[in-house]
C-alpha cells in the first residue's frame, strides 16, 4: 500500500529523466543561441524558434540572436529577415533595431542605419553604443556636427569610452579643428594605447596642423603596433618629404605600395620623392598613376602638406 509497483516506478523514472533531458537541451540551446559560434548559434536559435515552447519575447530574442550569427557570417540578407521577425514580435526591442542598423550599414544604406539607431535610442535613451554608431554614420554622410553631438552624448554616458573620443577626433579633424582632434586622440590613447589607429589618427591630425616633428613618433608607434600599416607608412613618407629626406620618404611609400598597389597617396608621394632624388622618369610615372587613381591627390598634397611637384 502506498508504494508504486516496480513497472510503474520505472515508467515514472523514465518520464522524469526525459523531462530533465529536454530541459537540459533547451537550456543548452538557449546558451548556444546567445553565445555560441555562428553555426552552433544558428542551429540552437532555430531549435528554440521551432520548439513552440518559447514565450513571444523568447522567440524574438532567438530571432535577434540568430541574426547576430548571420551577421558574423556576413549573411546580411538572412540577418535582416530575422530582425524583421524579431521586431514584428517586439517592436520595442532596442537591440534588434541596433542590429538592423548594423546590417543596413553593411549594405551602405547609411540613412536607414541612422533611422534604426534613432529608433533604438528612442526606446533606450542611454544606449551608448547606438549613439557612437549613429555618430559614425553621420560622419559617413559628412554631417560632422550631428556626429559630434552623438559622440558628446556617448562620452557623457560613458566617460571612459575610448572609441567615442577617437571617433569625435575624426569628426573634428574633418572639420579642420585640429587642436580639438588632437586633444580627443590624446584621451583615446590614454584610455587604450594598444589601438594602432588611434596613434595613426593623431599622427595625421598633427601633420594637418603642421606639426611634423610631433607627428613622427605617433606614426612610428602605429607602425610598431600594426606592421605594414599603409596609412602610417604614408604619414611617415610625408613627414620625411617635409624634412627634406626623400630617400627615407621613398622607402616608406614603397612599403605602403607593397601593402596596396592602388594607394594613390603613396604613389604620388613616391613620385615626389623620386623627383627629389633626380629620377624624373620614375617620378613622372608614379605621379601619373596616382592622378589616375585619385584625380585630386596633387591638390591635396599642395593644400594640406605644402608639397608640390
Protein backbone atom coordinates (compact mmCIF):
# COMPACT_ATOMS: atom_id res chain seq x y z
CA UNK A 1 0.00 0.00 0.00
CA UNK A 2 1.29 3.49 -0.91
CA UNK A 3 4.15 2.08 -2.95
CA UNK A 4 4.50 2.32 -6.69
CA UNK A 5 4.91 -1.03 -8.36
CA UNK A 6 8.24 -1.79 -9.96
CA UNK A 7 6.99 -1.34 -13.55
CA UNK A 8 5.11 1.84 -12.78
CA UNK A 9 8.13 3.21 -10.93
CA UNK A 10 10.42 2.55 -13.87
CA UNK A 11 7.96 4.27 -16.21
CA UNK A 12 7.73 7.30 -13.93
CA UNK A 13 11.51 7.46 -13.64
CA UNK A 14 11.81 7.35 -17.43
CA UNK A 15 9.35 10.23 -17.79
CA UNK A 16 11.19 12.30 -15.20
CA UNK A 17 14.54 11.62 -16.94
CA UNK A 18 13.08 12.60 -20.32
CA UNK A 19 11.77 15.85 -18.85
CA UNK A 20 15.15 16.66 -17.32
CA UNK A 21 16.91 15.88 -20.60
CA UNK A 22 14.51 18.11 -22.52
CA UNK A 23 15.06 20.94 -20.07
CA UNK A 24 18.81 20.48 -20.33
CA UNK A 25 18.61 20.54 -24.14
CA UNK A 26 16.52 23.69 -24.03
CA UNK A 27 19.00 25.37 -21.67
CA UNK A 28 21.90 24.27 -23.84
CA UNK A 29 20.19 25.68 -26.93
CA UNK A 30 19.50 28.95 -25.12
CA UNK A 31 23.16 29.23 -24.13
CA UNK A 32 24.41 28.40 -27.63
CA UNK A 33 21.87 30.71 -29.25
CA UNK A 34 23.21 33.56 -27.14
CA UNK A 35 26.94 32.91 -27.08
CA UNK A 36 27.79 30.04 -29.41
CA UNK A 37 29.92 30.13 -32.54
CA UNK A 38 27.86 31.31 -35.55
CA UNK A 39 26.99 27.86 -36.89
CA UNK A 40 26.14 26.49 -33.45
CA UNK A 41 24.13 29.61 -32.64
CA UNK A 42 22.09 29.36 -35.84
CA UNK A 43 21.21 25.73 -35.12
CA UNK A 44 20.37 26.40 -31.47
CA UNK A 45 18.31 29.51 -32.17
CA UNK A 46 16.42 27.66 -34.91
CA UNK A 47 15.59 24.88 -32.46
CA UNK A 48 14.23 27.40 -29.97
CA UNK A 49 12.18 29.23 -32.64
CA UNK A 50 10.65 26.00 -33.90
CA UNK A 51 10.06 24.39 -30.49
CA UNK A 52 6.71 26.06 -29.88
CA UNK A 53 7.66 26.27 -26.19
CA UNK A 54 9.20 29.75 -26.01
CA UNK A 55 7.37 32.89 -24.96
CA UNK A 56 6.83 35.62 -27.55
CA UNK A 57 9.71 37.53 -26.00
CA UNK A 58 11.88 34.43 -26.07
CA UNK A 59 11.21 33.84 -29.77
CA UNK A 60 12.03 37.48 -30.52
CA UNK A 61 15.34 37.08 -28.66
CA UNK A 62 16.11 33.91 -30.60
CA UNK A 63 15.45 35.67 -33.92
CA UNK A 64 17.71 38.55 -32.85
CA UNK A 65 20.48 36.22 -31.73
CA UNK A 66 20.26 34.19 -34.91
CA UNK A 67 20.54 37.45 -36.85
CA UNK A 68 23.74 38.20 -34.93
CA UNK A 69 25.10 34.84 -36.00
CA UNK A 70 24.18 35.54 -39.62
CA UNK A 71 25.93 38.92 -39.39
CA UNK A 72 29.03 37.15 -38.09
CA UNK A 73 28.92 35.01 -41.25
CA UNK A 74 28.37 38.12 -43.44
CA UNK A 75 24.92 36.83 -44.39
CA UNK A 76 23.16 40.18 -44.24
CA UNK A 77 20.03 39.08 -46.09
CA UNK A 78 19.13 36.37 -43.60
CA UNK A 79 20.07 38.68 -40.72
CA UNK A 80 17.60 41.32 -41.92
CA UNK A 81 14.87 38.69 -42.34
CA UNK A 82 15.35 37.54 -38.75
CA UNK A 83 15.48 41.06 -37.38
CA UNK A 84 12.21 41.87 -39.13
CA UNK A 85 10.66 38.87 -37.36
CA UNK A 86 12.12 39.92 -34.01
CA UNK A 87 10.71 43.44 -34.36
CA UNK A 88 7.35 42.13 -35.54
CA UNK A 89 7.11 40.18 -32.29
CA UNK A 90 8.54 43.02 -30.18
CA UNK A 91 8.52 46.47 -31.85
CA UNK A 92 10.23 47.98 -28.78
CA UNK A 93 13.24 45.68 -28.97
CA UNK A 94 16.08 48.22 -28.89
CA UNK A 95 18.83 45.68 -29.53
CA UNK A 96 17.08 44.40 -32.67
CA UNK A 97 16.85 47.97 -34.01
CA UNK A 98 20.55 48.41 -33.24
CA UNK A 99 21.48 45.19 -35.02
CA UNK A 100 19.32 46.09 -38.01
CA UNK A 101 21.23 49.38 -38.21
CA UNK A 102 24.48 47.42 -38.38
CA UNK A 103 23.05 45.27 -41.17
CA UNK A 104 22.00 48.36 -43.14
CA UNK A 105 25.48 49.80 -42.73
CA UNK A 106 26.90 46.61 -44.22
CA UNK A 107 24.75 47.36 -47.27
CA UNK A 108 25.88 51.03 -47.37
CA UNK A 109 22.31 52.10 -46.60
CA UNK A 110 23.51 54.78 -44.20
CA UNK A 111 20.31 56.77 -43.74
CA UNK A 112 18.35 53.59 -42.97
CA UNK A 113 21.03 52.73 -40.42
CA UNK A 114 20.67 56.16 -38.80
CA UNK A 115 16.90 55.67 -38.61
CA UNK A 116 17.38 52.33 -36.84
CA UNK A 117 19.94 53.71 -34.38
CA UNK A 118 17.49 56.55 -33.68
CA UNK A 119 14.73 54.02 -33.02
CA UNK A 120 16.98 52.16 -30.59
CA UNK A 121 17.80 55.41 -28.78
CA UNK A 122 14.12 56.39 -28.51
CA UNK A 123 13.48 53.09 -26.76
CA UNK A 124 16.66 53.12 -24.68
CA UNK A 125 17.82 56.66 -24.02
CA UNK A 126 21.15 55.58 -22.51
CA UNK A 127 22.16 53.31 -25.41
CA UNK A 128 25.82 54.31 -25.55
CA UNK A 129 26.82 52.10 -28.49
CA UNK A 130 23.89 53.38 -30.56
CA UNK A 131 24.96 57.00 -30.03
CA UNK A 132 28.53 56.15 -31.03
CA UNK A 133 27.49 54.18 -34.11
CA UNK A 134 24.97 56.79 -35.21
CA UNK A 135 27.75 59.36 -34.91
CA UNK A 136 29.90 57.28 -37.26
CA UNK A 137 27.01 57.01 -39.71
CA UNK A 138 26.55 60.78 -39.65
CA UNK A 139 30.30 61.11 -40.33
CA UNK A 140 29.87 58.88 -43.37
CA UNK A 141 27.29 61.36 -44.69
CA UNK A 142 29.58 64.34 -44.00
CA UNK A 143 27.38 65.53 -41.12
CA UNK A 144 30.17 66.11 -38.63
CA UNK A 145 28.24 68.41 -36.28
CA UNK A 146 25.48 65.81 -35.85
CA UNK A 147 28.20 63.19 -35.35
CA UNK A 148 29.92 65.26 -32.67
CA UNK A 149 26.62 65.74 -30.80
CA UNK A 150 26.21 61.94 -30.69
CA UNK A 151 29.81 61.37 -29.56
CA UNK A 152 29.30 64.01 -26.86
CA UNK A 153 26.27 62.08 -25.60
CA UNK A 154 28.12 58.75 -25.68
CA UNK A 155 31.03 60.23 -23.70
CA UNK A 156 28.68 61.87 -21.18
CA UNK A 157 27.06 58.48 -20.59
CA UNK A 158 30.39 56.60 -20.52
CA UNK A 159 33.36 58.88 -19.81
CA UNK A 160 35.92 56.10 -20.41
CA UNK A 161 34.58 55.22 -23.89
CA UNK A 162 37.83 55.49 -25.84
CA UNK A 163 36.27 54.70 -29.22
CA UNK A 164 33.92 57.67 -28.91
CA UNK A 165 36.85 60.00 -28.20
CA UNK A 166 38.71 58.60 -31.20
CA UNK A 167 35.65 58.97 -33.43
CA UNK A 168 35.00 62.51 -32.23
CA UNK A 169 38.62 63.28 -33.06
CA UNK A 170 37.98 62.12 -36.63
CA UNK A 171 34.96 64.42 -36.89
CA UNK A 172 36.92 67.41 -35.57
CA UNK A 173 39.78 66.59 -37.97
CA UNK A 174 37.33 66.51 -40.89
CA UNK A 175 36.10 69.96 -39.83
CA UNK A 176 39.68 71.29 -39.74
CA UNK A 177 39.58 71.71 -35.94
CA UNK A 178 42.90 70.01 -35.44
CA UNK A 179 43.63 71.08 -31.86
CA UNK A 180 40.33 69.59 -30.71
CA UNK A 181 41.01 66.44 -32.73
CA UNK A 182 44.45 66.02 -31.17
CA UNK A 183 43.01 66.55 -27.67
CA UNK A 184 40.47 63.78 -28.27
CA UNK A 185 43.11 61.43 -29.64
CA UNK A 186 45.21 62.17 -26.53
CA UNK A 187 42.37 60.89 -24.33
CA UNK A 188 41.67 57.89 -26.57
CA UNK A 189 45.33 56.85 -26.44
CA UNK A 190 45.49 57.37 -22.68
CA UNK A 191 42.45 55.10 -22.27
CA UNK A 192 43.88 52.40 -24.55
CA UNK A 193 47.23 52.86 -26.24
CA UNK A 194 47.15 49.41 -27.86
CA UNK A 195 45.00 50.59 -30.79
CA UNK A 196 47.21 51.42 -33.78
CA UNK A 197 44.54 53.53 -35.49
CA UNK A 198 44.47 55.99 -32.58
CA UNK A 199 48.18 56.70 -32.91
CA UNK A 200 47.83 56.91 -36.69
CA UNK A 201 44.90 59.32 -36.43
CA UNK A 202 46.83 61.60 -34.10
CA UNK A 203 49.82 61.48 -36.44
CA UNK A 204 47.70 62.70 -39.35
CA UNK A 205 45.98 65.39 -37.28
CA UNK A 206 49.39 66.71 -36.26
CA UNK A 207 50.53 66.64 -39.88
CA UNK A 208 47.49 68.67 -40.87
CA UNK A 209 48.24 71.07 -38.01
CA UNK A 210 51.78 71.43 -39.47
CA UNK A 211 53.44 69.62 -36.56
CA UNK A 212 55.51 67.00 -38.45
CA UNK A 213 58.13 66.51 -35.73
CA UNK A 214 55.45 65.77 -33.17
CA UNK A 215 53.65 63.52 -35.66
CA UNK A 216 56.72 61.34 -36.31
CA UNK A 217 56.65 59.24 -33.10
CA UNK A 218 52.89 58.73 -33.44
CA UNK A 219 53.14 57.22 -36.92
CA UNK A 220 56.11 55.13 -35.80
CA UNK A 221 54.11 53.79 -32.86
CA UNK A 222 51.17 52.98 -35.13
CA UNK A 223 53.51 51.03 -37.40
CA UNK A 224 55.04 49.23 -34.41
CA UNK A 225 51.60 48.12 -33.26
CA UNK A 226 50.49 47.18 -36.78
CA UNK A 227 53.44 46.28 -39.04
CA UNK A 228 52.75 47.09 -42.67
CA UNK A 229 50.10 49.69 -41.76
CA UNK A 230 49.73 51.57 -45.05
CA UNK A 231 48.32 54.81 -43.62
CA UNK A 232 51.16 55.04 -41.10
CA UNK A 233 53.74 54.49 -43.84
CA UNK A 234 52.06 57.20 -45.93
CA UNK A 235 52.22 59.57 -42.98
CA UNK A 236 55.89 58.84 -42.41
CA UNK A 237 56.58 59.36 -46.11
CA UNK A 238 55.03 62.82 -45.95
CA UNK A 239 56.96 63.64 -42.78
CA UNK A 240 60.26 62.68 -44.43
CA UNK A 241 59.41 64.62 -47.58
CA UNK A 242 58.73 67.73 -45.49
CA UNK A 243 62.01 67.15 -43.66
CA UNK A 244 63.96 67.01 -46.95
CA UNK A 245 64.73 63.29 -46.69
CA UNK A 246 63.48 61.85 -49.99
CA UNK A 247 65.29 58.50 -49.70
CA UNK A 248 63.62 57.75 -46.36
CA UNK A 249 60.31 59.01 -47.77
CA UNK A 250 60.57 56.74 -50.80
CA UNK A 251 61.22 53.71 -48.59
CA UNK A 252 58.04 54.40 -46.61
CA UNK A 253 55.96 54.93 -49.74
CA UNK A 254 57.42 51.72 -51.18
CA UNK A 255 56.18 49.87 -48.09
CA UNK A 256 52.71 51.42 -48.42
CA UNK A 257 52.50 50.45 -52.10
CA UNK A 258 53.59 46.90 -51.24
CA UNK A 259 50.54 46.70 -48.97
CA UNK A 260 48.21 48.34 -51.52
CA UNK A 261 49.20 48.89 -55.13
CA UNK A 262 46.20 51.22 -55.60
CA UNK A 263 47.31 53.65 -52.85
CA UNK A 264 47.19 56.96 -54.74
CA UNK A 265 48.75 58.83 -51.81
CA UNK A 266 51.77 56.53 -51.71
CA UNK A 267 52.22 56.60 -55.50
CA UNK A 268 52.07 60.39 -55.60
CA UNK A 269 54.38 60.74 -52.60
CA UNK A 270 56.84 58.28 -54.10
CA UNK A 271 56.74 60.24 -57.34
CA UNK A 272 57.70 63.41 -55.44
CA UNK A 273 60.46 61.54 -53.64
CA UNK A 274 61.84 60.19 -56.91
CA UNK A 275 61.81 63.68 -58.44
CA UNK A 276 63.76 65.00 -55.47
CA UNK A 277 66.28 62.18 -55.92
CA UNK A 278 66.78 63.01 -59.61
CA UNK A 279 64.63 60.21 -61.07
CA UNK A 280 62.32 62.30 -63.24
CA UNK A 281 61.03 59.45 -65.43
CA UNK A 282 60.23 57.24 -62.45
CA UNK A 283 58.63 60.14 -60.61
CA UNK A 284 56.52 61.11 -63.62
CA UNK A 285 55.27 57.53 -63.96
CA UNK A 286 54.25 57.31 -60.30
CA UNK A 287 52.56 60.71 -60.35
CA UNK A 288 50.62 59.86 -63.50
CA UNK A 289 49.44 56.59 -61.94
CA UNK A 290 48.47 58.40 -58.73
CA UNK A 291 46.42 61.04 -60.56
CA UNK A 292 44.59 58.34 -62.47
CA UNK A 293 43.60 56.69 -59.19
CA UNK A 294 42.92 59.94 -57.32
CA UNK A 295 42.44 62.99 -59.54
CA UNK A 296 42.70 65.43 -56.60
CA UNK A 297 45.76 63.90 -54.96
CA UNK A 298 48.14 66.65 -56.16
CA UNK A 299 45.75 69.36 -54.96
CA UNK A 300 45.50 67.81 -51.50
CA UNK A 301 49.27 67.35 -51.15
CA UNK A 302 49.81 71.01 -52.05
CA UNK A 303 46.98 72.40 -49.94
CA UNK A 304 47.32 70.30 -46.80
CA UNK A 305 51.03 69.49 -46.66
CA UNK A 306 52.74 72.16 -48.78
CA UNK A 307 54.24 69.54 -51.10
CA UNK A 308 54.40 70.27 -54.84
CA UNK A 309 55.73 68.58 -57.95
